[in-house]
Amino acid sequence: MSILRSVVRGIGSYLPSEVVTNADLAKIVDTSDEWIVDRSGIRERRRAAEGEFTSHLATHAARAALEDAGLGPEDIDLVVVATATPDHTFPATATQVQAALGITQGFAYDLQAVCSGFVYALSTADAQIKAGLARRALVIGAETFSRILDWTDRTTCVLFGDGAGAVVLEGQWSAGTNDDHGLIAAHLRADGRHCEKLYVDGGPSTTGTAGHLRMEGKEVFKHAVVNLAEVTEELFDRTGLTVADVDWFVPHQANRRIIDATGKKLGIDPAKVVVTVDRHGNTSAASIPLALDVAVKDGRVKRGDLVVLEAMGGGFTWGAALLRW
């Protein structure tokens, strides 16, 4: 039976020019390179310049994805920006990206699922393509987490970075098997009972301020490993695929310990895991497309490869997707 699949036509990413090393952070908080690397695997991250907003990062990544796809603004009728750090309370950052790219047709909106945002956005855009609401979509993960960090809290300020990644999705008719190119399946979850474990202590309706990120690191680690392994296994159960069928795992780049522990729980060959957390830090919704772009551009991910994307973020939200490149 022929079905409509959302196929990736192009991919792109963008990182701000300022590199913040662990040594740089050791000058402002009580920490060290050894302490940060041992607990997170992070060695450096990027920070957006003054006057450089989430929409700017997203626009750069989107342009790169359009160029990679060989498409122009006239070819896009949906823009989705996954972000927890929008330019404004409203309008949606996606509308600012739409305007900056010169897209005058279709629709645009933001999606907020924190670090799971890109997986959520990919699944949402796929559903709208299948529903006939769009033909081609720009799906972007973009964050400026440096704007919501407490730079006196060494347990959180060392973990996060800024960046953006984007893909162009296009609806294409396929055979309806696991061998199809494009998004094969996705599985999404959330559990709002754990809000206090990873959240921002502000907002328009509560404090009238942006607030700062707060996290219970040990609790997040424990839930992340269990939740990510379970949602990935559920995805395999739904599709009939197994770990052995997968060519590459592109996890949310939160923490090297979480990546390693989840991989071990699933029985994943470490050589199949794409890791960029050492260079990017945790870029929340941007981390998966940033890591995926690195692996595509360096030749690891090739046409026909089966890729698993998985992430967990504040809320808690979490999810996984199977993508045939």
Protein backbone atom coordinates (compact mmCIF):
# COMPACT_ATOMS: atom_id res chain seq x y z
CA MET A 1 0.00 0.00 0.00
CA SER A 2 1.43 3.37 -1.01
CA ILE A 3 1.65 6.00 1.76
CA LEU A 4 2.92 9.54 2.08
CA ARG A 5 6.25 9.81 3.91
CA SER A 6 8.04 12.95 5.09
CA VAL A 7 11.49 12.70 3.50
CA VAL A 8 14.47 14.89 4.45
CA ARG A 9 15.46 16.91 1.38
CA GLY A 10 18.12 19.02 3.09
CA ILE A 11 19.84 19.70 6.40
CA GLY A 12 21.78 22.63 7.84
CA SER A 13 23.04 24.07 11.11
CA TYR A 14 24.49 27.18 12.67
CA LEU A 15 26.69 27.88 15.70
CA PRO A 16 27.46 31.34 17.11
CA SER A 17 31.09 32.39 16.67
CA GLU A 18 31.98 32.78 20.36
CA VAL A 19 33.49 29.61 21.85
CA VAL A 20 33.25 29.31 25.63
CA THR A 21 35.71 26.75 27.02
CA ASN A 22 35.69 25.10 30.41
CA ALA A 23 38.72 27.22 31.28
CA ASP A 24 36.67 30.33 30.51
CA LEU A 25 33.95 29.19 32.90
CA ALA A 26 36.49 28.41 35.61
CA LYS A 27 37.20 32.16 35.71
CA ILE A 28 33.64 33.02 36.76
CA VAL A 29 32.44 30.03 38.85
CA ASP A 30 34.08 27.47 41.12
CA THR A 31 34.73 24.74 38.57
CA SER A 32 37.46 23.20 36.44
CA ASP A 33 37.89 21.50 33.10
CA GLU A 34 38.38 18.16 34.84
CA TRP A 35 35.18 18.56 36.91
CA ILE A 36 33.03 19.48 33.90
CA VAL A 37 34.44 16.80 31.58
CA ASP A 38 34.13 14.10 34.23
CA ARG A 39 30.45 14.89 34.91
CA SER A 40 29.23 15.80 31.44
CA GLY A 41 31.82 15.15 28.74
CA ILE A 42 31.57 18.80 27.68
CA ARG A 43 34.74 20.70 26.76
CA GLU A 44 33.30 23.78 25.06
CA ARG A 45 30.04 25.35 23.95
CA ARG A 46 28.94 28.36 21.86
CA ARG A 47 27.33 31.57 23.08
CA ALA A 48 25.20 33.94 21.00
CA ALA A 49 26.56 37.46 20.63
CA GLU A 50 24.82 40.50 22.05
CA GLY A 51 21.92 41.29 19.71
CA GLU A 52 21.99 37.77 18.22
CA PHE A 53 18.61 36.15 18.88
CA THR A 54 17.12 32.68 18.56
CA SER A 55 15.43 33.75 15.30
CA HIS A 56 18.81 34.76 13.86
CA LEU A 57 20.34 31.37 14.66
CA ALA A 58 17.28 29.59 13.28
CA THR A 59 17.34 31.63 10.06
CA HIS A 60 21.01 30.81 9.42
CA ALA A 61 20.36 27.08 9.92
CA ALA A 62 17.25 27.21 7.73
CA ARG A 63 19.11 28.92 4.89
CA ALA A 64 21.78 26.21 5.03
CA ALA A 65 19.10 23.50 4.91
CA LEU A 66 17.36 25.16 1.95
CA GLU A 67 20.67 25.42 0.08
CA ASP A 68 21.41 21.76 0.80
CA ALA A 69 17.97 20.85 -0.55
CA GLY A 70 18.36 23.02 -3.64
CA LEU A 71 15.14 24.84 -2.76
CA GLY A 72 14.09 28.44 -2.22
CA PRO A 73 11.63 30.27 0.05
CA GLU A 74 8.88 29.88 -2.55
CA ASP A 75 9.07 26.09 -2.06
CA ILE A 76 8.23 26.13 1.68
CA ASP A 77 4.71 26.34 3.09
CA LEU A 78 5.32 25.42 6.74
CA VAL A 79 7.92 26.67 9.25
CA VAL A 80 8.10 25.05 12.69
CA VAL A 81 10.61 26.30 15.25
CA ALA A 82 11.17 24.10 18.29
CA THR A 83 12.50 26.36 21.04
CA ALA A 84 12.27 27.09 24.76
CA THR A 85 14.02 30.45 24.29
CA PRO A 86 11.88 32.44 21.81
CA ASP A 87 12.69 36.00 20.81
CA HIS A 88 9.40 37.24 22.27
CA THR A 89 6.47 35.97 24.31
CA PHE A 90 4.68 36.54 21.00
CA PRO A 91 4.72 36.52 18.03
CA ALA A 92 6.15 33.08 17.39
CA THR A 93 9.84 33.02 16.53
CA ALA A 94 8.87 30.93 13.49
CA THR A 95 7.06 33.91 12.00
CA GLN A 96 10.24 35.98 12.33
CA VAL A 97 12.20 33.25 10.56
CA GLN A 98 9.51 33.03 7.87
CA ALA A 99 9.79 36.79 7.25
CA ALA A 100 13.60 36.77 7.27
CA LEU A 101 13.67 34.01 4.67
CA GLY A 102 11.15 35.78 2.44
CA ILE A 103 8.50 33.07 2.77
CA THR A 104 5.13 34.72 2.13
CA GLN A 105 2.90 31.66 1.82
CA GLY A 106 1.83 28.91 4.19
CA PHE A 107 1.94 29.03 7.98
CA ALA A 108 4.44 29.13 10.85
CA TYR A 109 4.44 28.43 14.58
CA ASP A 110 6.66 27.59 17.54
CA LEU A 111 6.63 24.30 19.44
CA GLN A 112 7.76 24.12 23.07
CA ALA A 113 8.84 20.73 24.39
CA VAL A 114 12.28 21.88 25.61
CA CYS A 115 15.01 19.36 24.72
CA SER A 116 12.48 17.02 23.09
CA GLY A 117 11.30 19.85 20.86
CA PHE A 118 12.92 18.73 17.62
CA VAL A 119 11.49 15.19 17.82
CA TYR A 120 8.06 16.63 18.67
CA ALA A 121 8.32 19.17 15.82
CA LEU A 122 9.41 16.51 13.32
CA SER A 123 6.41 14.37 14.22
CA THR A 124 4.00 17.33 14.11
CA ALA A 125 5.23 18.54 10.72
CA ASP A 126 5.00 14.97 9.40
CA ALA A 127 1.35 14.78 10.48
CA GLN A 128 0.53 18.06 8.77
CA ILE A 129 2.23 16.97 5.55
CA LYS A 130 0.23 13.72 5.63
CA ALA A 131 -2.96 15.70 6.30
CA GLY A 132 -2.35 17.77 3.17
CA LEU A 133 -1.78 21.02 5.06
CA ALA A 134 1.75 21.43 3.72
CA ARG A 135 3.92 20.04 0.93
CA ARG A 136 7.32 21.02 2.30
CA ALA A 137 8.27 22.08 5.81
CA LEU A 138 11.25 23.68 7.49
CA VAL A 139 11.65 22.03 10.88
CA ILE A 140 14.11 23.94 13.05
CA GLY A 141 15.51 23.49 16.54
CA ALA A 142 17.05 26.71 17.85
CA GLU A 143 18.06 27.91 21.30
CA THR A 144 19.86 30.71 23.14
CA PHE A 145 19.98 29.01 26.54
CA SER A 146 22.78 31.36 27.59
CA ARG A 147 20.02 33.95 28.19
CA ILE A 148 18.26 31.89 30.89
CA LEU A 149 21.27 30.52 32.78
CA ASP A 150 22.24 31.52 36.30
CA TRP A 151 25.93 32.21 35.78
CA THR A 152 26.60 31.76 39.52
CA ASP A 153 25.25 28.17 39.50
CA ARG A 154 28.12 25.90 38.49
CA THR A 155 25.84 22.84 38.27
CA THR A 156 23.86 24.27 35.35
CA CYS A 157 25.75 27.11 33.64
CA VAL A 158 28.52 24.76 32.49
CA LEU A 159 26.15 22.41 30.67
CA PHE A 160 24.33 24.48 28.07
CA GLY A 161 25.14 26.19 24.79
CA ASP A 162 23.50 28.07 21.93
CA GLY A 163 22.91 26.89 18.37
CA ALA A 164 20.42 25.86 15.71
CA GLY A 165 19.79 23.02 13.27
CA ALA A 166 17.19 22.56 10.56
CA VAL A 167 15.83 20.06 8.06
CA VAL A 168 13.60 20.45 5.01
CA LEU A 169 10.86 17.81 4.93
CA GLU A 170 9.02 16.94 1.72
CA GLY A 171 6.03 14.67 1.30
CA GLN A 172 6.81 11.79 -1.08
CA TRP A 173 4.73 8.73 -1.92
CA SER A 174 6.40 5.51 -0.81
CA ALA A 175 5.75 1.78 -0.65
CA GLY A 176 4.71 1.86 3.01
CA THR A 177 7.47 -0.40 4.35
CA ASN A 178 10.36 0.05 6.77
CA ASP A 179 12.64 0.38 3.74
CA ASP A 180 11.04 3.70 2.73
CA HIS A 181 13.06 6.89 2.93
CA GLY A 182 11.82 9.48 5.42
CA LEU A 183 10.17 9.37 8.82
CA ILE A 184 9.17 5.77 9.47
CA ALA A 185 7.66 6.26 12.93
CA ALA A 186 7.77 8.40 16.05
CA HIS A 187 6.70 7.87 19.64
CA LEU A 188 6.16 10.80 22.03
CA ARG A 189 5.61 10.93 25.79
CA ALA A 190 5.21 13.45 28.61
CA ASP A 191 4.70 13.41 32.37
CA GLY A 192 4.05 16.78 34.00
CA ARG A 193 4.43 15.45 37.54
CA HIS A 194 8.19 16.03 37.33
CA CYS A 195 8.17 19.77 36.58
CA GLU A 196 10.28 20.72 39.60
CA LYS A 197 13.15 18.48 38.51
CA LEU A 198 13.97 20.59 35.41
CA TYR A 199 12.31 23.96 34.87
CA VAL A 200 12.77 27.72 34.56
CA ASP A 201 11.73 29.73 37.61
CA GLY A 202 9.93 32.47 35.70
CA GLY A 203 7.47 33.26 32.96
CA PRO A 204 4.94 35.84 31.73
CA SER A 205 2.04 34.43 33.77
CA THR A 206 3.95 33.83 37.01
CA THR A 207 6.80 36.24 37.67
CA GLY A 208 6.66 38.44 34.58
CA THR A 209 10.33 37.65 33.98
CA ALA A 210 12.24 35.18 31.83
CA GLY A 211 13.65 33.41 34.90
CA HIS A 212 16.59 31.04 35.23
CA LEU A 213 17.03 27.34 34.58
CA ARG A 214 16.87 25.09 37.66
CA MET A 215 17.68 21.39 37.67
CA GLU A 216 17.94 18.39 39.99
CA GLY A 217 20.75 16.70 38.09
CA LYS A 218 20.64 13.25 39.71
CA GLU A 219 16.88 12.96 39.26
CA VAL A 220 17.07 14.04 35.62
CA PHE A 221 19.80 11.49 34.94
CA LYS A 222 17.79 8.66 36.50
CA HIS A 223 14.60 9.45 34.58
CA ALA A 224 16.42 10.15 31.32
CA VAL A 225 18.11 6.77 31.07
CA VAL A 226 14.93 4.83 31.88
CA ASN A 227 12.58 6.95 29.76
CA LEU A 228 14.81 7.14 26.69
CA ALA A 229 15.46 3.40 26.67
CA GLU A 230 11.76 2.61 27.09
CA VAL A 231 10.50 4.98 24.38
CA THR A 232 13.09 3.65 21.92
CA GLU A 233 12.15 0.05 22.67
CA GLU A 234 8.47 0.93 22.20
CA LEU A 235 9.34 2.38 18.80
CA PHE A 236 11.06 -0.88 17.84
CA ASP A 237 8.04 -2.87 19.02
CA ARG A 238 5.70 -0.77 16.84
CA THR A 239 7.81 -1.14 13.70
CA GLY A 240 9.17 -4.66 14.13
CA LEU A 241 12.72 -3.33 13.87
CA THR A 242 15.54 -3.99 16.33
CA VAL A 243 18.73 -2.34 17.53
CA ALA A 244 20.63 -4.46 15.02
CA ASP A 245 18.71 -2.86 12.13
CA VAL A 246 19.82 0.65 13.06
CA ASP A 247 22.86 2.24 11.43
CA TRP A 248 23.11 5.36 13.60
CA PHE A 249 21.77 6.64 16.91
CA VAL A 250 21.61 10.43 17.23
CA PRO A 251 20.63 11.15 20.84
CA HIS A 252 19.90 14.48 22.47
CA GLN A 253 23.32 15.81 23.46
CA ALA A 254 22.59 16.54 27.13
CA ASN A 255 25.34 14.73 28.94
CA ARG A 256 27.88 12.09 27.91
CA ARG A 257 26.98 9.96 30.93
CA ILE A 258 23.31 9.87 29.91
CA ILE A 259 24.23 9.04 26.32
CA ASP A 260 26.52 6.20 27.40
CA ALA A 261 24.14 4.78 30.01
CA THR A 262 21.17 4.81 27.62
CA GLY A 263 23.24 3.17 24.90
CA LYS A 264 24.36 0.45 27.27
CA LYS A 265 20.79 -0.19 28.44
CA LEU A 266 19.64 -0.59 24.82
CA GLY A 267 22.65 -2.67 23.80
CA ILE A 268 23.82 -0.14 21.22
CA ASP A 269 27.31 -0.43 19.74
CA PRO A 270 29.08 2.78 20.89
CA ALA A 271 30.56 3.11 17.39
CA LYS A 272 27.03 3.74 16.09
CA VAL A 273 26.34 6.65 18.45
CA VAL A 274 26.85 10.22 17.19
CA VAL A 275 28.31 12.38 19.96
CA THR A 276 28.86 16.15 19.72
CA VAL A 277 28.20 17.15 23.33
CA ASP A 278 31.92 17.74 23.87
CA ARG A 279 31.88 20.59 21.31
CA HIS A 280 28.33 21.89 21.54
CA GLY A 281 27.21 21.34 25.12
CA ASN A 282 23.49 20.88 25.65
CA THR A 283 21.73 23.01 23.04
CA SER A 284 18.26 21.71 23.97
CA ALA A 285 15.95 21.51 20.92
CA ALA A 286 18.88 22.28 18.61
CA SER A 287 21.08 19.40 19.74
CA ILE A 288 19.69 16.58 17.57
CA PRO A 289 19.69 18.47 14.24
CA LEU A 290 23.13 19.92 15.05
CA ALA A 291 24.54 16.44 15.73
CA LEU A 292 22.76 14.94 12.73
CA ASP A 293 24.16 17.65 10.43
CA VAL A 294 27.68 16.90 11.66
CA ALA A 295 27.26 13.18 10.94
CA VAL A 296 25.77 13.81 7.49
CA LYS A 297 28.43 16.32 6.48
CA ASP A 298 31.35 14.14 7.63
CA GLY A 299 29.99 11.19 5.64
CA ARG A 300 28.91 8.89 8.45
CA VAL A 301 25.17 9.07 7.75
CA LYS A 302 24.56 7.99 4.15
CA ARG A 303 21.50 7.62 1.96
CA GLY A 304 19.52 4.57 3.01
CA ASP A 305 20.85 4.51 6.58
CA LEU A 306 18.33 3.95 9.37
CA VAL A 307 18.71 6.57 12.09
CA VAL A 308 17.17 6.75 15.57
CA LEU A 309 16.65 10.19 17.12
CA GLU A 310 15.77 10.38 20.83
CA ALA A 311 15.53 13.10 23.47
CA MET A 312 14.17 14.01 26.90
CA GLY A 313 13.54 17.49 28.26
CA GLY A 314 11.91 19.48 31.03
CA GLY A 315 8.29 18.76 31.72
CA PHE A 316 9.20 15.89 31.51
CA THR A 317 8.80 15.38 27.78
CA TRP A 318 10.53 12.67 25.79
CA GLY A 319 10.33 10.90 22.49
CA ALA A 320 12.06 8.96 19.73
CA ALA A 321 11.83 8.81 15.95
CA LEU A 322 12.99 6.40 13.25
CA LEU A 323 14.26 8.08 10.09
CA ARG A 324 15.47 6.47 6.89
CA TRP A 325 18.01 8.86 5.35
